[in-house]
Amino acid sequence: MIFIENEGNTNPRLNLALEEYILRNFDPADDYLLFYINEPSIIIGRNQNTLEEINHQYVDENNIHVVRRISGGGAVYHDFGNLNFSFITNHDGKSLSNFKKFTAPVIKVLQSLGLNAELKGRNDIEVEEKKISGTAQFSTGKRMVSHGTLLLDTDLEEVVKALNVKMEKIVSKGHKSVRSRVANISEYLTQPLEIEEFRRLLLEGLYEESEPFERYHLSLKEWQEVHRLKEEKYDTWDWNYGRSPKFNIQRSKRFPIGELDLRIFVEKGHIQEFKIFGDFFGKEPLESLEKFFIGTRYEKEDISAILKNMDIKEYFGDISKDDLVELVYGADVVDSNL
């Protein structure tokens, strides 16, 4: 395992660009570990509709960064009290969605600090039924990134103000509010702990779980490439917000794999636009699925035919084709423009 120094950068766009650059360009014979701390920011999941996940006025007034990441899952709030970790490794097909494998060493370190931490639900680390960490994954070919947050001393009131979290998600977790379902690690420590000391303890704990780490500092040329990726992708409105589709049908439902939110524009009985949003985890890019619906009759049998020979689990995780068809085409849809 090689530990990559991010040189104390706190710009979320730069840190996410660094993470992706390592994933796509560093020697695949090695595994890498990256830590970073971000300025106040909202990090949006790859498949989410940004404008509906944030409190836009509050974000603008408080100069909070809004950045989309390459992995799926839900939106999260970062600030100087939150430590982010990222494992960049090979995968054998079985590692994808295996959050237990990648969170186990982190949980062990948390337990050594006296926390009764455990992996719960799809991808959360919890203490006493409260979330202290969320994780996500993304893969390209044989490489993957498994990354997560660790809420040491985050301003949780800012989480509530900056994010628009849907009630369905809160209820599915058995809580009445965002604030009631999240907690800081500091709440469970017997002694105060600064973020840099927490970073050091976590790194030392992870050292013990692996062969001796190497430390690596990027070269000037490599940093130039990271900055170029930041400017061409993570600084752009298209990546962070994207186009909000024209639609006259919206259908959403929360499944065990997460929420699916469909925006469909149907004109003269045919699908003209088709966009999928959500906080689910999938391997394949949604664009390659969405395009098959364009031009198709908005009829149940036609929609079923599109999906007949597709492995939709590659896009969403464990969901049945019948469930997806029912979500796309429901009997309760009524629109005079169809």
Protein backbone atom coordinates (compact mmCIF):
# COMPACT_ATOMS: atom_id res chain seq x y z
CA MET A 1 0.00 0.00 0.00
CA ILE A 2 1.29 3.43 -0.99
CA PHE A 3 0.07 6.50 0.91
CA ILE A 4 -0.36 9.52 -1.37
CA GLU A 5 0.29 12.90 0.21
CA ASN A 6 -2.25 15.51 -0.93
CA GLU A 7 0.03 18.25 0.46
CA GLY A 8 -2.67 19.73 2.67
CA ASN A 9 -4.97 20.81 -0.17
CA THR A 10 -8.52 21.55 0.99
CA ASN A 11 -10.16 22.48 -2.32
CA PRO A 12 -12.74 19.70 -2.98
CA ARG A 13 -12.47 20.03 -6.74
CA LEU A 14 -8.72 19.51 -6.58
CA ASN A 15 -8.97 16.60 -4.15
CA LEU A 16 -11.55 14.79 -6.27
CA ALA A 17 -9.44 15.41 -9.37
CA LEU A 18 -6.42 13.98 -7.53
CA GLU A 19 -8.38 10.89 -6.55
CA GLU A 20 -9.54 10.27 -10.13
CA TYR A 21 -6.06 10.93 -11.54
CA ILE A 22 -4.56 8.30 -9.24
CA LEU A 23 -7.28 5.83 -10.19
CA ARG A 24 -6.77 6.22 -13.91
CA ASN A 25 -3.04 6.84 -14.18
CA PHE A 26 -1.02 5.29 -11.33
CA ASP A 27 0.63 1.88 -11.60
CA PRO A 28 -2.13 -0.78 -11.33
CA ALA A 29 0.35 -3.17 -9.72
CA ASP A 30 0.05 -1.16 -6.48
CA ASP A 31 -2.71 -0.22 -4.03
CA TYR A 32 -3.03 3.38 -2.86
CA LEU A 33 -4.44 5.23 0.12
CA LEU A 34 -5.40 8.90 0.05
CA PHE A 35 -6.64 11.17 2.85
CA TYR A 36 -8.08 14.65 2.31
CA ILE A 37 -9.98 17.32 4.24
CA ASN A 38 -12.25 19.68 2.30
CA GLU A 39 -13.41 23.24 2.77
CA PRO A 40 -17.21 23.52 3.35
CA SER A 41 -18.72 21.74 0.39
CA ILE A 42 -21.51 19.47 -0.81
CA ILE A 43 -20.29 16.41 -2.66
CA ILE A 44 -22.99 15.10 -5.01
CA GLY A 45 -23.34 11.46 -6.02
CA ARG A 46 -22.69 10.67 -9.69
CA ASN A 47 -26.35 9.97 -10.54
CA GLN A 48 -28.06 12.71 -8.54
CA ASN A 49 -29.96 15.77 -9.69
CA THR A 50 -27.81 18.46 -8.08
CA LEU A 51 -30.38 21.26 -8.00
CA GLU A 52 -32.80 19.08 -6.06
CA GLU A 53 -30.21 17.92 -3.51
CA ILE A 54 -29.06 21.32 -2.27
CA ASN A 55 -30.50 24.41 -0.64
CA HIS A 56 -29.36 26.60 -3.51
CA GLN A 57 -29.86 29.99 -1.84
CA TYR A 58 -28.06 28.95 1.34
CA VAL A 59 -25.20 27.39 -0.62
CA ASP A 60 -24.70 30.55 -2.68
CA GLU A 61 -24.92 32.91 0.30
CA ASN A 62 -22.35 30.90 2.27
CA ASN A 63 -19.92 30.18 -0.58
CA ILE A 64 -20.22 26.41 -0.17
CA HIS A 65 -18.58 24.40 -2.95
CA VAL A 66 -20.85 22.05 -4.90
CA VAL A 67 -18.95 19.25 -6.65
CA ARG A 68 -20.04 15.98 -8.23
CA ARG A 69 -17.95 12.88 -7.52
CA ILE A 70 -17.46 9.90 -9.84
CA SER A 71 -19.09 7.39 -7.48
CA GLY A 72 -22.78 6.78 -6.83
CA GLY A 73 -24.68 7.18 -3.57
CA GLY A 74 -26.11 10.26 -1.93
CA ALA A 75 -25.03 13.85 -1.35
CA VAL A 76 -22.80 14.53 1.67
CA TYR A 77 -21.57 17.66 3.42
CA HIS A 78 -17.83 18.18 4.01
CA ASP A 79 -16.03 20.69 6.17
CA PHE A 80 -12.80 20.98 8.15
CA GLY A 81 -14.16 18.59 10.79
CA ASN A 82 -14.56 15.76 8.31
CA LEU A 83 -11.75 13.40 7.22
CA ASN A 84 -12.09 11.62 3.89
CA PHE A 85 -10.34 8.36 3.08
CA SER A 86 -9.92 6.67 -0.29
CA PHE A 87 -8.60 3.20 -1.15
CA ILE A 88 -7.61 2.78 -4.81
CA THR A 89 -7.12 -0.86 -5.72
CA ASN A 90 -7.74 -3.59 -8.26
CA HIS A 91 -11.01 -5.51 -8.13
CA ASP A 92 -11.94 -9.03 -9.07
CA GLY A 93 -15.64 -8.41 -9.61
CA LYS A 94 -16.47 -9.52 -6.08
CA SER A 95 -15.04 -6.40 -4.45
CA LEU A 96 -17.63 -4.07 -5.98
CA SER A 97 -20.36 -3.26 -3.46
CA ASN A 98 -18.35 -5.16 -0.83
CA PHE A 99 -18.25 -2.25 1.58
CA LYS A 100 -17.46 -4.55 4.49
CA LYS A 101 -14.06 -5.42 3.01
CA PHE A 102 -12.92 -1.80 2.71
CA THR A 103 -14.50 -0.43 5.87
CA ALA A 104 -13.24 -3.24 8.13
CA PRO A 105 -9.77 -1.72 8.81
CA VAL A 106 -11.30 1.73 9.37
CA ILE A 107 -13.87 0.29 11.78
CA LYS A 108 -11.09 -1.52 13.66
CA VAL A 109 -9.26 1.78 14.21
CA LEU A 110 -12.47 3.45 15.39
CA GLN A 111 -13.06 0.58 17.81
CA SER A 112 -9.53 1.04 19.16
CA LEU A 113 -10.56 4.61 20.04
CA GLY A 114 -13.41 3.24 22.12
CA LEU A 115 -16.25 3.52 19.61
CA ASN A 116 -18.73 0.70 19.15
CA ALA A 117 -18.57 1.19 15.38
CA GLU A 118 -20.10 -1.19 12.85
CA LEU A 119 -21.17 -1.29 9.21
CA LYS A 120 -24.94 -0.90 8.82
CA GLY A 121 -27.32 -0.81 5.88
CA ARG A 122 -25.84 -0.50 2.42
CA ASN A 123 -22.78 1.56 3.16
CA ASP A 124 -22.88 3.43 6.48
CA ILE A 125 -20.64 3.14 9.53
CA GLU A 126 -22.73 3.72 12.64
CA VAL A 127 -22.28 4.10 16.37
CA GLU A 128 -25.34 3.54 18.56
CA GLU A 129 -27.63 3.65 15.49
CA LYS A 130 -26.23 6.97 14.31
CA LYS A 131 -24.27 7.48 11.11
CA ILE A 132 -20.69 8.69 11.50
CA SER A 133 -19.47 7.69 8.03
CA GLY A 134 -20.81 7.05 4.55
CA THR A 135 -18.95 5.19 1.82
CA ALA A 136 -19.17 4.79 -1.94
CA GLN A 137 -17.39 2.99 -4.79
CA PHE A 138 -16.57 3.44 -8.46
CA SER A 139 -14.78 1.18 -10.92
CA THR A 140 -13.05 1.50 -14.28
CA GLY A 141 -12.11 -1.81 -15.87
CA LYS A 142 -9.96 -3.59 -13.31
CA ARG A 143 -9.42 -0.63 -10.99
CA MET A 144 -11.73 0.78 -8.35
CA VAL A 145 -11.94 3.49 -5.72
CA SER A 146 -13.61 2.89 -2.36
CA HIS A 147 -13.93 6.12 -0.44
CA GLY A 148 -15.76 7.47 2.56
CA THR A 149 -16.28 10.25 5.06
CA LEU A 150 -15.47 10.26 8.77
CA LEU A 151 -17.42 12.87 10.74
CA LEU A 152 -15.04 13.80 13.53
CA ASP A 153 -16.35 17.25 14.41
CA THR A 154 -18.46 18.45 11.49
CA ASP A 155 -20.93 21.29 11.94
CA LEU A 156 -24.05 19.13 11.75
CA GLU A 157 -26.36 22.14 11.70
CA GLU A 158 -24.77 23.10 8.39
CA VAL A 159 -25.64 19.65 7.04
CA VAL A 160 -29.30 20.36 7.74
CA LYS A 161 -29.17 23.85 6.23
CA ALA A 162 -27.18 23.03 3.09
CA LEU A 163 -28.82 19.78 1.99
CA ASN A 164 -32.35 19.01 0.85
CA VAL A 165 -32.70 15.47 2.14
CA LYS A 166 -35.94 13.74 1.10
CA MET A 167 -38.21 12.50 3.84
CA GLU A 168 -38.43 9.03 2.25
CA LYS A 169 -34.73 8.54 2.90
CA ILE A 170 -34.96 9.69 6.51
CA VAL A 171 -37.98 7.50 7.23
CA SER A 172 -36.32 4.48 5.62
CA LYS A 173 -33.52 4.87 8.18
CA GLY A 174 -35.98 4.96 11.06
CA HIS A 175 -35.37 8.61 12.01
CA LYS A 176 -37.43 11.79 12.07
CA SER A 177 -34.78 14.24 10.83
CA VAL A 178 -31.33 14.49 9.31
CA ARG A 179 -29.91 15.69 12.61
CA SER A 180 -31.29 12.69 14.50
CA ARG A 181 -29.63 10.14 12.22
CA VAL A 182 -26.07 11.52 12.10
CA ALA A 183 -23.45 12.11 14.79
CA ASN A 184 -19.85 13.18 15.19
CA ILE A 185 -17.15 10.76 16.29
CA SER A 186 -16.11 13.37 18.86
CA GLU A 187 -19.39 12.77 20.73
CA TYR A 188 -18.19 9.27 21.63
CA LEU A 189 -14.58 10.10 22.59
CA THR A 190 -13.49 10.53 26.19
CA GLN A 191 -10.86 13.12 25.22
CA PRO A 192 -11.01 15.90 22.57
CA LEU A 193 -9.21 15.06 19.33
CA GLU A 194 -8.07 17.50 16.65
CA ILE A 195 -8.57 16.51 13.02
CA GLU A 196 -4.82 16.24 12.29
CA GLU A 197 -4.28 14.00 15.31
CA PHE A 198 -7.25 11.89 14.21
CA ARG A 199 -5.69 11.64 10.76
CA ARG A 200 -2.41 10.46 12.28
CA LEU A 201 -4.09 7.85 14.47
CA LEU A 202 -6.12 6.52 11.57
CA LEU A 203 -3.05 6.27 9.35
CA GLU A 204 -1.06 4.48 12.06
CA GLY A 205 -3.95 2.09 12.62
CA LEU A 206 -4.18 1.30 8.92
CA TYR A 207 -0.41 0.75 8.84
CA GLU A 208 -0.89 -2.06 11.33
CA GLU A 209 -3.43 -3.71 9.02
CA SER A 210 -1.06 -3.89 6.05
CA GLU A 211 2.50 -4.28 4.93
CA PRO A 212 4.68 -1.23 5.64
CA PHE A 213 3.37 1.78 3.72
CA GLU A 214 5.35 3.83 1.30
CA ARG A 215 4.71 7.58 1.11
CA TYR A 216 4.52 9.25 -2.27
CA HIS A 217 4.61 12.91 -3.28
CA LEU A 218 3.39 13.74 -6.77
CA SER A 219 5.85 15.30 -9.18
CA LEU A 220 5.31 18.78 -10.57
CA LYS A 221 4.22 17.26 -13.89
CA GLU A 222 1.69 15.01 -12.15
CA TRP A 223 0.24 17.95 -10.23
CA GLN A 224 -0.09 19.84 -13.49
CA GLU A 225 -2.15 16.98 -14.87
CA VAL A 226 -4.33 16.91 -11.75
CA HIS A 227 -4.98 20.66 -12.10
CA ARG A 228 -5.82 20.17 -15.77
CA LEU A 229 -8.40 17.50 -14.87
CA LYS A 230 -9.84 19.82 -12.23
CA GLU A 231 -10.21 22.67 -14.71
CA GLU A 232 -11.62 20.55 -17.53
CA LYS A 233 -14.06 18.54 -15.40
CA TYR A 234 -14.52 19.38 -11.72
CA ASP A 235 -14.63 23.16 -12.23
CA THR A 236 -17.35 22.94 -14.90
CA TRP A 237 -21.05 23.59 -14.50
CA ASP A 238 -21.86 20.72 -16.88
CA TRP A 239 -20.19 18.15 -14.61
CA ASN A 240 -21.36 19.52 -11.28
CA TYR A 241 -24.93 20.43 -12.23
CA GLY A 242 -25.66 19.04 -15.68
CA ARG A 243 -28.72 19.62 -17.78
CA SER A 244 -32.11 19.36 -16.08
CA PRO A 245 -34.23 17.41 -18.57
CA LYS A 246 -37.57 18.46 -19.98
CA PHE A 247 -40.18 16.08 -18.59
CA ASN A 248 -43.91 15.57 -18.21
CA ILE A 249 -43.64 12.36 -16.18
CA GLN A 250 -41.79 11.97 -12.90
CA ARG A 251 -41.78 8.63 -11.14
CA SER A 252 -39.70 7.79 -8.09
CA LYS A 253 -39.49 4.99 -5.56
CA ARG A 254 -37.09 3.94 -2.83
CA PHE A 255 -35.83 0.37 -3.15
CA PRO A 256 -33.38 -1.50 -0.91
CA ILE A 257 -30.64 -0.46 -3.36
CA GLY A 258 -31.56 3.23 -3.02
CA GLU A 259 -33.89 5.73 -4.67
CA LEU A 260 -34.66 5.71 -8.40
CA ASP A 261 -36.07 8.98 -9.72
CA LEU A 262 -37.13 8.98 -13.39
CA ARG A 263 -37.79 12.04 -15.54
CA ILE A 264 -39.47 11.16 -18.82
CA PHE A 265 -40.71 13.42 -21.60
CA VAL A 266 -43.33 11.73 -23.74
CA GLU A 267 -44.74 13.40 -26.83
CA LYS A 268 -47.25 11.83 -29.23
CA GLY A 269 -46.90 8.55 -27.41
CA HIS A 270 -43.11 8.25 -27.83
CA ILE A 271 -40.31 8.87 -25.33
CA GLN A 272 -38.33 11.95 -26.35
CA GLU A 273 -36.21 12.33 -23.21
CA PHE A 274 -35.37 9.81 -20.49
CA LYS A 275 -33.20 10.56 -17.46
CA ILE A 276 -32.49 8.52 -14.33
CA PHE A 277 -31.43 10.09 -11.03
CA GLY A 278 -30.82 8.49 -7.65
CA ASP A 279 -28.50 7.55 -4.82
CA PHE A 280 -27.99 3.93 -5.85
CA PHE A 281 -24.66 2.31 -6.67
CA GLY A 282 -24.06 0.91 -10.15
CA LYS A 283 -21.11 -0.15 -12.24
CA GLU A 284 -22.11 0.93 -15.76
CA PRO A 285 -22.81 4.55 -16.80
CA LEU A 286 -26.53 5.32 -16.98
CA GLU A 287 -26.18 7.13 -20.28
CA SER A 288 -25.64 3.81 -22.04
CA LEU A 289 -29.01 2.59 -20.73
CA GLU A 290 -31.01 5.79 -21.07
CA LYS A 291 -30.36 6.10 -24.81
CA PHE A 292 -32.23 2.86 -25.55
CA PHE A 293 -35.51 4.43 -24.40
CA ILE A 294 -35.37 7.42 -26.75
CA GLY A 295 -37.86 7.07 -29.59
CA THR A 296 -39.60 4.09 -27.97
CA ARG A 297 -43.38 3.96 -27.63
CA TYR A 298 -44.47 4.67 -24.07
CA GLU A 299 -46.11 1.27 -23.75
CA LYS A 300 -45.40 -1.41 -21.19
CA GLU A 301 -44.58 -4.13 -23.72
CA ASP A 302 -42.13 -1.86 -25.57
CA ILE A 303 -40.38 -0.90 -22.35
CA SER A 304 -40.18 -4.55 -21.30
CA ALA A 305 -38.68 -5.44 -24.69
CA ILE A 306 -35.88 -2.89 -24.22
CA LEU A 307 -34.85 -4.49 -20.93
CA LYS A 308 -35.34 -8.12 -22.00
CA ASN A 309 -31.68 -8.91 -22.74
CA MET A 310 -30.07 -6.36 -20.43
CA ASP A 311 -28.36 -7.02 -17.13
CA ILE A 312 -29.83 -4.07 -15.25
CA LYS A 313 -27.99 -5.01 -12.06
CA GLU A 314 -24.88 -3.57 -13.69
CA TYR A 315 -26.59 -0.16 -13.62
CA PHE A 316 -28.50 -0.22 -10.33
CA GLY A 317 -27.54 -3.18 -8.18
CA ASP A 318 -30.02 -5.84 -7.10
CA ILE A 319 -33.35 -4.75 -8.61
CA SER A 320 -35.66 -6.84 -10.80
CA LYS A 321 -36.66 -5.94 -14.36
CA ASP A 322 -40.33 -6.16 -13.36
CA ASP A 323 -39.78 -3.54 -10.66
CA LEU A 324 -38.05 -1.23 -13.13
CA VAL A 325 -40.75 -1.67 -15.78
CA GLU A 326 -43.43 -0.94 -13.20
CA LEU A 327 -41.59 2.22 -12.17
CA VAL A 328 -41.14 3.43 -15.77
CA TYR A 329 -44.70 2.65 -16.81
CA GLY A 330 -47.30 2.86 -14.07
CA ALA A 331 -51.05 2.88 -14.44
CA ASP A 332 -51.31 6.09 -12.41
CA VAL A 333 -49.58 8.25 -15.05
CA VAL A 334 -51.97 10.75 -16.62
CA ASP A 335 -50.88 13.62 -18.87
CA SER A 336 -52.85 15.24 -21.64
CA ASN A 337 -49.70 15.74 -23.73
CA LEU A 338 -48.91 12.02 -24.01
